[in-house]
Each structure stands twice: as structure tokens, then as C-alpha cells.
Protein backbone atom coordinates (compact mmCIF):
# COMPACT_ATOMS: atom_id res chain seq x y z
CA MET A 1 -10.24 11.09 21.79
CA LYS A 2 -12.49 10.34 18.81
CA LEU A 3 -10.94 9.83 15.40
CA GLU A 4 -12.64 10.88 12.16
CA GLY A 5 -14.69 8.23 10.39
CA THR A 6 -14.52 5.68 13.20
CA SER A 7 -17.55 3.74 11.95
CA ARG A 8 -16.08 2.32 8.75
CA GLN A 9 -12.51 3.54 8.43
CA ALA A 10 -11.59 2.01 11.78
CA ILE A 11 -12.96 -1.35 10.69
CA ALA A 12 -11.22 -1.07 7.33
CA ALA A 13 -7.87 -0.27 8.89
CA VAL A 14 -8.05 -3.12 11.37
CA THR A 15 -9.12 -5.73 8.85
CA ALA A 16 -7.20 -4.78 5.72
CA LEU A 17 -4.53 -2.16 6.18
CA ALA A 18 -3.26 -3.88 9.26
CA LEU A 19 -0.94 -6.53 7.86
CA ALA A 20 2.46 -6.22 6.26
CA LEU A 21 4.61 -9.21 5.41
CA LEU A 22 8.36 -9.13 5.79
CA VAL A 23 9.85 -11.46 3.19
CA THR A 24 13.59 -11.95 2.94
CA PRO A 25 15.61 -14.26 0.72
CA VAL A 26 17.95 -15.15 3.58
CA ALA A 27 16.72 -18.40 5.11
CA ALA A 28 18.28 -17.71 8.50
CA ILE A 29 16.14 -14.60 9.03
CA ALA A 30 12.55 -15.05 10.16
CA GLN A 31 9.70 -13.95 7.96
CA ASN A 32 7.38 -11.84 10.07
CA ALA A 33 3.93 -10.36 9.66
CA TYR A 34 3.36 -6.97 11.30
CA ILE A 35 -0.24 -6.51 12.45
CA THR A 36 -1.40 -3.07 13.60
CA ASN A 37 -3.88 -3.21 16.47
CA GLN A 38 -5.94 -0.05 16.12
CA GLY A 39 -8.63 -0.87 18.64
CA VAL A 40 -12.19 0.46 18.55
CA TYR A 41 -13.46 3.81 19.79
CA PRO A 42 -13.18 4.79 22.60
CA ASN A 43 -10.61 2.10 23.43
CA PHE A 44 -7.94 2.73 20.82
CA SER A 45 -4.79 0.66 21.04
CA ASN A 46 -1.14 1.57 20.47
CA ASN A 47 0.76 -1.53 19.49
CA VAL A 48 1.81 -3.85 16.68
CA THR A 49 1.76 -7.64 16.97
CA VAL A 50 4.59 -9.53 15.25
CA ILE A 51 3.84 -13.03 13.97
CA ASP A 52 6.54 -15.47 12.85
CA THR A 53 5.07 -16.87 9.63
CA ALA A 54 7.15 -20.06 9.92
CA THR A 55 5.50 -21.03 13.22
CA ASN A 56 2.37 -18.86 13.11
CA LYS A 57 3.11 -17.73 16.64
CA VAL A 58 3.31 -14.26 18.15
CA VAL A 59 6.94 -13.41 18.82
CA THR A 60 6.56 -9.93 20.30
CA THR A 61 4.37 -6.86 20.64
CA ILE A 62 5.78 -3.43 19.78
CA GLY A 63 4.51 -0.18 21.28
CA VAL A 64 3.86 2.53 18.67
CA GLY A 65 1.60 5.60 18.47
CA LEU A 66 -2.13 5.87 19.14
CA ALA A 67 -4.49 3.96 16.82
CA PRO A 68 -1.97 2.39 14.41
CA SER A 69 -3.53 1.52 11.05
CA GLY A 70 -1.60 1.45 7.77
CA VAL A 71 1.71 -0.41 7.63
CA ALA A 72 4.27 -1.13 4.92
CA VAL A 73 7.63 -2.89 4.93
CA THR A 74 10.57 -1.73 2.83
CA PRO A 75 11.64 -4.05 -0.02
CA ASP A 76 14.88 -4.97 1.78
CA GLY A 77 12.85 -6.00 4.83
CA LYS A 78 14.80 -3.80 7.22
CA LYS A 79 12.08 -1.35 8.25
CA ALA A 80 8.32 -1.28 8.77
CA TYR A 81 6.49 2.05 8.61
CA VAL A 82 3.32 2.30 10.72
CA ALA A 83 0.79 5.15 10.41
CA ASN A 84 -0.67 6.20 13.76
CA ARG A 85 -4.10 7.77 13.27
CA ALA A 86 -4.04 10.20 16.17
CA VAL A 87 -5.04 13.81 15.39
CA SER A 88 -1.40 14.88 15.54
CA GLY A 89 -0.43 12.04 13.25
CA THR A 90 2.86 10.22 13.34
CA VAL A 91 4.59 7.34 11.60
CA SER A 92 6.51 4.85 13.73
CA VAL A 93 9.57 3.27 12.10
CA ILE A 94 10.23 -0.28 13.27
CA ASP A 95 13.69 -1.80 12.95
CA THR A 96 12.80 -5.35 11.95
CA ALA A 97 16.13 -6.74 13.14
CA THR A 98 15.36 -5.73 16.72
CA ASN A 99 11.58 -5.30 16.49
CA ALA A 100 11.88 -1.94 18.21
CA VAL A 101 10.84 1.56 17.17
CA SER A 102 13.89 3.38 15.82
CA ALA A 103 12.21 6.68 14.86
CA THR A 104 8.92 8.56 15.10
CA ILE A 105 8.05 10.95 12.27
CA ALA A 106 5.46 13.74 12.48
CA VAL A 107 3.12 13.76 9.46
CA GLY A 108 -0.38 15.12 8.80
CA ARG A 109 -3.65 14.56 10.68
CA HIS A 110 -5.10 11.05 10.80
CA PRO A 111 -2.55 9.24 8.61
CA ILE A 112 -3.85 5.92 7.35
CA GLY A 113 -2.63 4.61 3.96
CA VAL A 114 1.08 3.78 3.57
CA ALA A 115 3.09 2.60 0.56
CA VAL A 116 6.82 2.22 -0.11
CA LYS A 117 8.48 2.84 -3.48
CA PRO A 118 9.83 -0.36 -5.04
CA ASP A 119 13.40 0.93 -4.67
CA GLY A 120 12.77 1.59 -0.97
CA SER A 121 13.82 5.23 -1.16
CA ARG A 122 10.55 6.89 -0.14
CA VAL A 123 7.34 6.22 1.75
CA TYR A 124 4.02 7.85 0.82
CA VAL A 125 1.51 8.39 3.64
CA ALA A 126 -2.11 9.50 3.10
CA ASN A 127 -3.22 11.98 5.77
CA LYS A 128 -7.00 11.62 5.86
CA GLY A 129 -7.52 14.50 8.26
CA ASN A 130 -6.05 17.32 6.17
CA GLY A 131 -6.09 16.16 2.55
CA THR A 132 -2.37 15.68 2.08
CA VAL A 133 0.25 13.04 1.40
CA SER A 134 3.50 13.08 3.34
CA VAL A 135 6.61 11.87 1.53
CA ILE A 136 9.22 10.31 3.82
CA ASN A 137 12.87 9.90 2.84
CA THR A 138 13.79 6.47 4.19
CA ALA A 139 17.49 7.34 4.40
CA THR A 140 16.83 10.15 6.89
CA ASN A 141 13.36 9.17 8.18
CA ALA A 142 12.27 12.77 7.63
CA VAL A 143 9.41 14.25 5.62
CA SER A 144 10.85 15.59 2.37
CA ALA A 145 7.59 16.83 0.81
CA THR A 146 3.91 17.37 1.56
CA ILE A 147 1.47 17.09 -1.35
CA GLU A 148 -2.08 18.41 -1.41
CA VAL A 149 -4.53 15.88 -2.84
CA GLY A 150 -8.31 15.41 -2.60
CA LEU A 151 -10.69 15.25 0.35
CA ALA A 152 -9.87 12.67 3.05
CA PRO A 153 -7.26 10.58 1.19
CA PHE A 154 -7.28 6.94 2.20
CA GLY A 155 -5.61 4.27 0.03
CA VAL A 156 -2.15 4.56 -1.53
CA ALA A 157 -0.48 2.43 -4.20
CA ILE A 158 2.70 2.84 -6.26
CA THR A 159 3.28 1.52 -9.76
CA PRO A 160 5.80 -1.35 -10.07
CA ASP A 161 8.29 0.95 -11.80
CA GLY A 162 8.00 3.48 -8.97
CA SER A 163 7.09 6.38 -11.25
CA THR A 164 3.53 7.04 -10.14
CA VAL A 165 1.46 7.06 -6.96
CA TYR A 166 -2.33 6.69 -6.91
CA VAL A 167 -4.20 8.06 -3.89
CA THR A 168 -7.91 7.47 -3.35
CA ASN A 169 -9.90 10.43 -2.04
CA LEU A 170 -13.34 10.27 -0.46
CA ASN A 171 -14.58 13.03 -2.80
CA ASN A 172 -14.77 10.31 -5.47
CA THR A 173 -11.41 10.91 -7.12
CA VAL A 174 -7.95 9.42 -7.41
CA SER A 175 -4.99 11.79 -7.27
CA VAL A 176 -2.07 10.85 -9.53
CA ILE A 177 1.34 11.83 -8.17
CA ALA A 178 4.50 11.79 -10.28
CA THR A 179 7.30 10.62 -8.00
CA ALA A 180 9.91 12.51 -10.05
CA THR A 181 8.38 15.83 -8.99
CA ASN A 182 6.17 14.84 -6.03
CA ALA A 183 3.35 16.84 -7.60
CA VAL A 184 -0.18 15.89 -8.64
CA SER A 185 -0.17 15.36 -12.40
CA ALA A 186 -3.80 14.27 -12.87
CA THR A 187 -7.07 13.71 -11.04
CA ILE A 188 -9.28 10.79 -12.04
CA PRO A 189 -13.04 10.72 -11.33
CA VAL A 190 -14.08 7.29 -10.05
CA GLY A 191 -17.05 5.89 -8.09
CA HIS A 192 -18.43 7.02 -4.76
CA GLY A 193 -16.30 6.41 -1.69
CA PRO A 194 -13.09 5.00 -3.25
CA LEU A 195 -10.92 3.18 -0.71
CA GLY A 196 -8.56 0.42 -1.84
CA VAL A 197 -6.34 0.73 -4.89
CA ALA A 198 -3.81 -1.63 -6.46
CA PHE A 199 -1.88 -1.99 -9.72
CA THR A 200 -1.47 -4.95 -12.01
CA PRO A 201 2.07 -6.39 -12.06
CA ASP A 202 2.85 -4.69 -15.38
CA GLY A 203 1.50 -1.37 -14.12
CA SER A 204 -0.89 -0.95 -17.03
CA LYS A 205 -4.07 -0.90 -14.96
CA ALA A 206 -5.21 0.12 -11.50
CA TYR A 207 -8.24 -1.25 -9.67
CA VAL A 208 -10.13 1.04 -7.29
CA ALA A 209 -12.77 -0.26 -4.88
CA ASN A 210 -15.73 2.13 -4.56
CA GLU A 211 -17.47 1.46 -1.25
CA PHE A 212 -20.75 3.29 -1.83
CA ASP A 213 -21.29 2.26 -5.46
CA HIS A 214 -20.50 -1.41 -4.75
CA ASN A 215 -18.19 -1.60 -7.72
CA VAL A 216 -14.58 -1.38 -8.88
CA SER A 217 -13.22 1.21 -11.31
CA VAL A 218 -10.59 -0.13 -13.72
CA VAL A 219 -8.16 2.63 -14.66
CA ALA A 220 -5.78 2.58 -17.64
CA THR A 221 -2.59 4.12 -16.31
CA ALA A 222 -1.38 5.26 -19.74
CA SER A 223 -4.30 7.69 -19.99
CA HIS A 224 -5.25 7.93 -16.30
CA SER A 225 -8.87 7.26 -17.22
CA VAL A 226 -11.52 4.73 -16.21
CA VAL A 227 -11.95 2.13 -18.96
CA THR A 228 -14.60 -0.04 -17.31
CA THR A 229 -16.52 -0.54 -14.08
CA VAL A 230 -17.10 -3.94 -12.48
CA GLY A 231 -19.97 -4.57 -10.10
CA VAL A 232 -19.03 -6.47 -6.94
CA GLY A 233 -20.52 -7.10 -3.49
CA PRO A 234 -21.73 -4.55 -0.95
CA ALA A 235 -19.32 -1.94 0.40
CA PRO A 236 -16.02 -3.14 -1.15
CA ILE A 237 -12.87 -1.98 0.62
CA ALA A 238 -10.01 -4.07 -0.85
CA LEU A 239 -7.02 -2.46 0.83
CA GLY A 240 -3.48 -3.76 0.47
CA VAL A 241 -1.99 -5.76 -2.40
CA PHE A 242 -5.03 -7.58 -3.79
CA ILE A 243 -3.88 -8.40 -7.34
CA MET A 244 -2.04 -11.67 -7.94
CA PRO A 245 1.42 -11.69 -9.54
CA PRO A 246 1.70 -13.29 -12.98
CA LYS A 247 2.06 -17.06 -13.08
CA MET A 248 4.12 -19.20 -15.41
CA LEU A 249 2.18 -22.12 -16.87
CA PRO A 250 3.73 -25.42 -15.77
CA ARG A 251 5.47 -27.53 -18.40
CA ALA A 252 4.92 -31.28 -18.43
CA ALA A 253 7.91 -33.19 -17.07
CA ASP A 254 8.26 -35.28 -20.23
CA SER A 255 7.86 -32.44 -22.71
CA PRO A 256 10.96 -30.97 -24.37
CA PRO A 257 11.86 -27.34 -23.79
CA PRO A 258 10.69 -24.93 -26.49
CA ALA A 259 12.94 -24.74 -29.55
CA PRO A 260 15.01 -21.57 -29.90
CA PRO A 261 13.89 -19.14 -32.59
CA ASN A 262 15.30 -19.56 -36.08
CA LEU A 263 17.78 -16.71 -36.30
CA ALA A 264 19.31 -17.67 -39.64
CA PRO A 265 18.98 -15.15 -42.46
CA ALA A 266 15.71 -15.53 -44.35
CA SER A 267 17.57 -16.56 -47.53
CA LYS A 268 19.05 -19.63 -45.75
CA ARG A 269 15.90 -20.75 -43.91
CA LYS A 270 14.25 -23.91 -45.19
């Protein structure tokens, strides 16, 4: 069976959408990376490789649906959601404690992009084959809503506060979904062939990689409008979390901590 867009989307999914990192604060629990093995037409695969990041060794291989691509792990690290790009698309739910599939959820055609809300309550899946986004309730592992977006949706990202979802569409737009209503609240024109999308840590900007224009659209999330365009290399994809978290500047070991602010009334300050 041939999947849509096998020439570039297959490569993109294998190289960029394929990895999700399970990070847990409990030292006794392994930190694993879940790698979807999509395969290449006509030899599509149907499994996920699990790598222990402490040893960098493969610990197991998990059977899922045909042509797995997008993957995302819930914030508590208990589940991994894998989009299987078969025509009758599904999402496999992996129990990370057992590394076994605990549920299979029917979604739209050719699902590819996957993102989890920061509170872990819902998963948003871009169905490239029929221009929709499936919303999965993680408590029930059932689809709670289906949202019509643009043509051939691909990348999905959620703002840090969980209020907004951005979905890239191959008709050169980004659909903005309000998670409170699960409805499209705006559509943003961007460059040609938008694929990857990610938000800055404060949620004020989104960066969208435009494959055919060889540039990145920078979107102000307050206005849902492009504020600048940055030229990059040929055919940018940039899927996944590609924006660094903020860093604290180191303080010299021999320097005193900063003085507290002067909170005395102005009349008593010297």
C-alpha cells in the first residue's frame, strides 16, 4: 500500500517526528527514547524501538500499526502516543511501564503530527489524509472531537499554557485551535509548504519552517500574524521541539547574591 507524499513526508517522519523522550524525575525509572520506524515505500515497518538513554542501548521493540511516524509522550511519562500513517489511520498507546501497547485508537487518514497538552489531558493528532485534527482524551483513550483544518495538516504544537494549538497545513497556512472550544479561531498565511512548528518557552512566538520557500515564518501569538521571515537552508523541515528552553546566566562562585529590593517607604529611603 502506498501512502500519500512518500517522497518527502516519509523522510521527514523518520528523521524528525520519530523520537520522543521519556523524562521522569524518579531516578529509579529508566529514561527512554521512543523511535518510530516508519520504513520506506513499499517496505513500510510497524514497530517502535525503545532506547535506554542511560546506556544508549536498545531495550525492546514494540509492535504498533503500519508506518508509525509521529510520537509524543505525556508529561507524566506514563504513556506514549504513536501515529500510524496507514490509510485507515490509528494511534497506538504505549504503556511506558511495560513497553506494551495498551490501546489502539481510530483517527483520520494518514495521521502524522502528534502533540500532548502540557497538563496531559488531551492529545492532538494531525490527519494529513483528510484535513482534520483528532482530539484524544487521555483518560479514556477515545477521540473526543474532530476539527477541520487546512489541506494536508502536518506539524502540531501546543503553547506552554495549553490554551492554543498551531497546525501547519500544506496549503501554506497555520490553523489556530483554541483548546477551550476545540474550534479553529484563526488561520495564518505563512510560506509555501509549512511543516515544523514550535513555540518559544514563554509562548509569545511560534516558528514555522516553510519547506519550499527555504525560510521560517515568525508568528506573534498575541495577534496570530507573521512578524518577520528568516531565510535558512534548502527545504527546512524542523519537526519536534526545536527551540531551546531559557537559560539562567551562571553566577561567579565568589560573587555575593543580589541584594533584595529596597521595600522601605520612599520617605525613609536614603
